[in-house]
Amino acid sequence: MAEKHEKISEETILQRRKEIAWRRIDDEALLINTRKDEMCHLNPVASFLWTSLDGALTLKEIARRLVKEYEVGEEQALEDLLEFAAELIDKGVAEIVQNSQT
């Protein structure tokens, strides 16, 4: 489990790092970080979240989309998304574009 990043909030905007190669296969995704020689397999929910990291939407907006797409409450969706975002940053595959707390 990733450490909770104090710098990440529901108003944070993330984007996928451009140097990360990825491919969507059915409802899942495979990320390839060539700098670290690592691959990461994402399940359908994580893949949905990954493809939403376009550098324009806040994490709260993405959580709302998650609620509409899957049967999950908004509070749980946001909590899980904040944790997932921290993991993506820790792995070096996503970066903060804008943050209301910076």
N, C-alpha and C. Protein backbone atom coordinates (compact mmCIF):
# COMPACT_ATOMS: atom_id res chain seq x y z
N MET A 1 0.84 -1.17 0.00
CA MET A 1 0.00 0.00 0.00
C MET A 1 0.90 1.24 0.00
N ALA A 2 0.57 2.19 -0.78
CA ALA A 2 1.38 3.41 -0.90
C ALA A 2 1.16 4.30 0.32
N GLU A 3 2.19 5.07 0.64
CA GLU A 3 2.05 6.08 1.68
C GLU A 3 1.08 7.14 1.19
N LYS A 4 0.33 7.71 2.12
CA LYS A 4 -0.58 8.79 1.73
C LYS A 4 0.25 10.06 1.53
N HIS A 5 0.12 10.65 0.38
CA HIS A 5 0.84 11.87 0.06
C HIS A 5 0.05 13.05 0.57
N GLU A 6 0.66 13.85 1.44
CA GLU A 6 -0.03 15.04 1.93
C GLU A 6 -0.29 16.03 0.80
N LYS A 7 0.53 15.99 -0.24
CA LYS A 7 0.39 16.94 -1.32
C LYS A 7 -0.73 16.60 -2.30
N ILE A 8 -1.33 15.43 -2.15
CA ILE A 8 -2.41 15.02 -3.05
C ILE A 8 -3.75 15.28 -2.35
N SER A 9 -4.65 15.91 -3.07
CA SER A 9 -5.99 16.16 -2.54
C SER A 9 -7.00 15.89 -3.65
N GLU A 10 -8.26 16.05 -3.32
CA GLU A 10 -9.32 15.83 -4.32
C GLU A 10 -9.25 16.85 -5.44
N GLU A 11 -8.57 17.96 -5.23
CA GLU A 11 -8.43 19.00 -6.26
C GLU A 11 -7.16 18.84 -7.11
N THR A 12 -6.37 17.83 -6.80
CA THR A 12 -5.14 17.56 -7.55
C THR A 12 -5.49 17.10 -8.96
N ILE A 13 -4.70 17.54 -9.93
CA ILE A 13 -4.83 17.10 -11.31
C ILE A 13 -3.55 16.33 -11.66
N LEU A 14 -3.73 15.11 -12.12
CA LEU A 14 -2.60 14.27 -12.52
C LEU A 14 -2.64 14.00 -14.01
N GLN A 15 -1.49 13.66 -14.53
CA GLN A 15 -1.45 13.18 -15.92
C GLN A 15 -0.49 12.01 -15.99
N ARG A 16 -0.73 11.19 -17.00
CA ARG A 16 0.16 10.06 -17.27
C ARG A 16 1.49 10.64 -17.75
N ARG A 17 2.61 10.09 -17.28
CA ARG A 17 3.92 10.55 -17.76
C ARG A 17 4.07 10.11 -19.22
N LYS A 18 4.54 11.02 -20.04
CA LYS A 18 4.63 10.77 -21.48
C LYS A 18 5.58 9.63 -21.84
N GLU A 19 6.58 9.41 -21.02
CA GLU A 19 7.56 8.35 -21.34
C GLU A 19 7.09 6.95 -20.94
N ILE A 20 5.91 6.84 -20.37
CA ILE A 20 5.36 5.54 -20.01
C ILE A 20 4.57 4.98 -21.18
N ALA A 21 5.04 3.85 -21.67
CA ALA A 21 4.31 3.18 -22.75
C ALA A 21 3.17 2.38 -22.10
N TRP A 22 2.04 2.37 -22.76
CA TRP A 22 0.93 1.60 -22.22
C TRP A 22 0.00 1.17 -23.34
N ARG A 23 -0.70 0.11 -23.07
CA ARG A 23 -1.64 -0.44 -24.04
C ARG A 23 -2.85 -0.95 -23.28
N ARG A 24 -4.01 -0.62 -23.80
CA ARG A 24 -5.26 -1.13 -23.23
C ARG A 24 -5.60 -2.42 -23.95
N ILE A 25 -5.89 -3.46 -23.16
CA ILE A 25 -6.25 -4.76 -23.70
C ILE A 25 -7.58 -5.15 -23.05
N ASP A 26 -8.63 -5.16 -23.86
CA ASP A 26 -9.99 -5.34 -23.35
C ASP A 26 -10.26 -4.25 -22.32
N ASP A 27 -10.59 -4.62 -21.09
CA ASP A 27 -10.86 -3.64 -20.04
C ASP A 27 -9.67 -3.39 -19.13
N GLU A 28 -8.55 -3.99 -19.45
CA GLU A 28 -7.37 -3.87 -18.61
C GLU A 28 -6.28 -3.10 -19.34
N ALA A 29 -5.22 -2.76 -18.61
CA ALA A 29 -4.12 -2.02 -19.23
C ALA A 29 -2.78 -2.58 -18.74
N LEU A 30 -1.78 -2.42 -19.58
CA LEU A 30 -0.42 -2.82 -19.26
C LEU A 30 0.46 -1.58 -19.41
N LEU A 31 1.15 -1.20 -18.33
CA LEU A 31 2.05 -0.05 -18.35
C LEU A 31 3.48 -0.55 -18.40
N ILE A 32 4.32 0.13 -19.18
CA ILE A 32 5.73 -0.24 -19.28
C ILE A 32 6.57 0.99 -18.99
N ASN A 33 7.32 0.91 -17.90
CA ASN A 33 8.22 1.99 -17.51
C ASN A 33 9.63 1.55 -17.93
N THR A 34 10.07 2.02 -19.08
CA THR A 34 11.36 1.58 -19.62
C THR A 34 12.53 2.15 -18.83
N ARG A 35 12.32 3.26 -18.14
CA ARG A 35 13.40 3.84 -17.33
C ARG A 35 13.75 2.95 -16.14
N LYS A 36 12.75 2.30 -15.59
CA LYS A 36 12.96 1.43 -14.43
C LYS A 36 12.90 -0.05 -14.80
N ASP A 37 12.66 -0.34 -16.09
CA ASP A 37 12.53 -1.71 -16.57
C ASP A 37 11.46 -2.47 -15.77
N GLU A 38 10.27 -1.82 -15.66
CA GLU A 38 9.16 -2.40 -14.91
C GLU A 38 7.90 -2.41 -15.76
N MET A 39 7.07 -3.42 -15.49
CA MET A 39 5.75 -3.49 -16.11
C MET A 39 4.72 -3.54 -14.99
N CYS A 40 3.55 -3.02 -15.29
CA CYS A 40 2.48 -3.00 -14.31
C CYS A 40 1.17 -3.34 -15.02
N HIS A 41 0.48 -4.32 -14.49
CA HIS A 41 -0.81 -4.74 -15.03
C HIS A 41 -1.92 -4.08 -14.22
N LEU A 42 -2.87 -3.44 -14.90
CA LEU A 42 -3.98 -2.78 -14.22
C LEU A 42 -5.29 -3.52 -14.48
N ASN A 43 -6.04 -3.74 -13.43
CA ASN A 43 -7.35 -4.38 -13.57
C ASN A 43 -8.33 -3.37 -14.21
N PRO A 44 -9.55 -3.78 -14.50
CA PRO A 44 -10.48 -2.87 -15.18
C PRO A 44 -10.72 -1.53 -14.47
N VAL A 45 -10.87 -1.54 -13.15
CA VAL A 45 -11.11 -0.28 -12.44
C VAL A 45 -9.87 0.60 -12.50
N ALA A 46 -8.70 0.03 -12.23
CA ALA A 46 -7.45 0.80 -12.29
C ALA A 46 -7.21 1.31 -13.71
N SER A 47 -7.54 0.51 -14.70
CA SER A 47 -7.40 0.92 -16.10
C SER A 47 -8.31 2.11 -16.41
N PHE A 48 -9.54 2.06 -15.92
CA PHE A 48 -10.48 3.18 -16.09
C PHE A 48 -9.88 4.45 -15.49
N LEU A 49 -9.32 4.34 -14.29
CA LEU A 49 -8.72 5.49 -13.63
C LEU A 49 -7.49 5.99 -14.39
N TRP A 50 -6.66 5.07 -14.84
CA TRP A 50 -5.44 5.42 -15.59
C TRP A 50 -5.78 6.22 -16.84
N THR A 51 -6.76 5.76 -17.58
CA THR A 51 -7.11 6.44 -18.83
C THR A 51 -7.76 7.80 -18.57
N SER A 52 -8.23 8.03 -17.34
CA SER A 52 -8.83 9.32 -16.98
C SER A 52 -7.80 10.37 -16.60
N LEU A 53 -6.55 9.96 -16.41
CA LEU A 53 -5.50 10.91 -16.00
C LEU A 53 -4.99 11.66 -17.23
N ASP A 54 -5.78 12.63 -17.67
CA ASP A 54 -5.48 13.35 -18.91
C ASP A 54 -4.87 14.73 -18.69
N GLY A 55 -4.62 15.07 -17.43
CA GLY A 55 -4.05 16.38 -17.14
C GLY A 55 -5.07 17.50 -17.11
N ALA A 56 -6.36 17.16 -17.18
CA ALA A 56 -7.42 18.18 -17.19
C ALA A 56 -8.41 18.00 -16.04
N LEU A 57 -8.63 16.78 -15.61
CA LEU A 57 -9.64 16.49 -14.59
C LEU A 57 -9.02 16.43 -13.19
N THR A 58 -9.74 16.96 -12.20
CA THR A 58 -9.30 16.79 -10.81
C THR A 58 -9.59 15.36 -10.38
N LEU A 59 -8.95 14.94 -9.31
CA LEU A 59 -9.21 13.60 -8.79
C LEU A 59 -10.66 13.47 -8.35
N LYS A 60 -11.25 14.55 -7.85
CA LYS A 60 -12.67 14.51 -7.46
C LYS A 60 -13.56 14.28 -8.68
N GLU A 61 -13.25 14.92 -9.80
CA GLU A 61 -14.03 14.71 -11.03
C GLU A 61 -13.89 13.27 -11.53
N ILE A 62 -12.69 12.73 -11.43
CA ILE A 62 -12.48 11.34 -11.84
C ILE A 62 -13.24 10.40 -10.92
N ALA A 63 -13.24 10.69 -9.62
CA ALA A 63 -14.00 9.86 -8.66
C ALA A 63 -15.49 9.87 -8.99
N ARG A 64 -16.01 11.02 -9.40
CA ARG A 64 -17.42 11.09 -9.79
C ARG A 64 -17.71 10.21 -11.00
N ARG A 65 -16.79 10.20 -11.95
CA ARG A 65 -16.94 9.32 -13.12
C ARG A 65 -16.90 7.86 -12.71
N LEU A 66 -16.04 7.56 -11.74
CA LEU A 66 -15.92 6.19 -11.23
C LEU A 66 -17.24 5.74 -10.60
N VAL A 67 -17.88 6.63 -9.84
CA VAL A 67 -19.16 6.33 -9.21
C VAL A 67 -20.21 6.00 -10.26
N LYS A 68 -20.22 6.75 -11.36
CA LYS A 68 -21.19 6.51 -12.44
C LYS A 68 -20.92 5.21 -13.18
N GLU A 69 -19.64 4.86 -13.34
CA GLU A 69 -19.26 3.68 -14.12
C GLU A 69 -19.37 2.38 -13.32
N TYR A 70 -19.06 2.44 -12.02
CA TYR A 70 -19.04 1.24 -11.17
C TYR A 70 -19.93 1.48 -9.96
N GLU A 71 -20.36 0.42 -9.35
CA GLU A 71 -21.24 0.53 -8.19
C GLU A 71 -20.39 0.74 -6.94
N VAL A 72 -20.07 2.00 -6.69
CA VAL A 72 -19.26 2.36 -5.53
C VAL A 72 -19.71 3.73 -5.05
N GLY A 73 -19.66 3.96 -3.75
CA GLY A 73 -20.03 5.25 -3.19
C GLY A 73 -18.97 6.30 -3.48
N GLU A 74 -19.37 7.57 -3.48
CA GLU A 74 -18.45 8.65 -3.83
C GLU A 74 -17.30 8.76 -2.82
N GLU A 75 -17.59 8.61 -1.54
CA GLU A 75 -16.53 8.71 -0.52
C GLU A 75 -15.50 7.59 -0.70
N GLN A 76 -15.97 6.38 -0.92
CA GLN A 76 -15.06 5.24 -1.13
C GLN A 76 -14.27 5.40 -2.41
N ALA A 77 -14.93 5.87 -3.46
CA ALA A 77 -14.25 6.07 -4.75
C ALA A 77 -13.12 7.08 -4.60
N LEU A 78 -13.38 8.18 -3.91
CA LEU A 78 -12.36 9.21 -3.73
C LEU A 78 -11.21 8.70 -2.87
N GLU A 79 -11.53 8.00 -1.80
CA GLU A 79 -10.49 7.44 -0.93
C GLU A 79 -9.58 6.49 -1.70
N ASP A 80 -10.19 5.58 -2.46
CA ASP A 80 -9.42 4.62 -3.25
C ASP A 80 -8.60 5.32 -4.33
N LEU A 81 -9.18 6.34 -4.95
CA LEU A 81 -8.48 7.07 -6.01
C LEU A 81 -7.27 7.82 -5.46
N LEU A 82 -7.41 8.44 -4.29
CA LEU A 82 -6.28 9.14 -3.68
C LEU A 82 -5.13 8.17 -3.40
N GLU A 83 -5.47 6.98 -2.93
CA GLU A 83 -4.45 5.96 -2.67
C GLU A 83 -3.80 5.49 -3.97
N PHE A 84 -4.61 5.26 -4.99
CA PHE A 84 -4.10 4.82 -6.29
C PHE A 84 -3.20 5.90 -6.90
N ALA A 85 -3.61 7.16 -6.78
CA ALA A 85 -2.81 8.27 -7.31
C ALA A 85 -1.44 8.31 -6.64
N ALA A 86 -1.41 8.11 -5.32
CA ALA A 86 -0.14 8.09 -4.59
C ALA A 86 0.76 6.96 -5.09
N GLU A 87 0.17 5.80 -5.36
CA GLU A 87 0.93 4.66 -5.88
C GLU A 87 1.51 4.98 -7.26
N LEU A 88 0.71 5.61 -8.11
CA LEU A 88 1.19 5.95 -9.45
C LEU A 88 2.35 6.94 -9.40
N ILE A 89 2.25 7.90 -8.50
CA ILE A 89 3.34 8.87 -8.33
C ILE A 89 4.59 8.17 -7.80
N ASP A 90 4.40 7.31 -6.78
CA ASP A 90 5.53 6.57 -6.21
C ASP A 90 6.24 5.72 -7.26
N LYS A 91 5.46 5.14 -8.17
CA LYS A 91 6.04 4.29 -9.23
C LYS A 91 6.64 5.11 -10.36
N GLY A 92 6.38 6.42 -10.37
CA GLY A 92 6.94 7.28 -11.39
C GLY A 92 6.22 7.23 -12.73
N VAL A 93 4.95 6.78 -12.73
CA VAL A 93 4.22 6.68 -13.99
C VAL A 93 3.21 7.82 -14.19
N ALA A 94 2.95 8.58 -13.12
CA ALA A 94 2.05 9.74 -13.22
C ALA A 94 2.71 10.90 -12.50
N GLU A 95 2.27 12.11 -12.87
CA GLU A 95 2.83 13.31 -12.25
C GLU A 95 1.73 14.32 -11.98
N ILE A 96 1.98 15.16 -10.98
CA ILE A 96 1.03 16.21 -10.62
C ILE A 96 1.16 17.35 -11.62
N VAL A 97 0.04 17.77 -12.19
CA VAL A 97 0.00 18.91 -13.10
C VAL A 97 -0.37 20.16 -12.32
N GLN A 98 -1.36 20.01 -11.44
CA GLN A 98 -1.83 21.15 -10.65
C GLN A 98 -2.31 20.61 -9.32
N ASN A 99 -2.07 21.41 -8.28
CA ASN A 99 -2.46 20.98 -6.95
C ASN A 99 -2.85 22.21 -6.14
N SER A 100 -4.03 22.21 -5.57
CA SER A 100 -4.48 23.36 -4.79
C SER A 100 -3.69 23.52 -3.50
N GLN A 101 -2.97 22.47 -3.09
CA GLN A 101 -2.23 22.53 -1.84
C GLN A 101 -0.77 22.90 -2.03
N THR A 102 -0.33 23.18 -3.27
CA THR A 102 1.08 23.55 -3.48
C THR A 102 1.24 25.03 -3.51
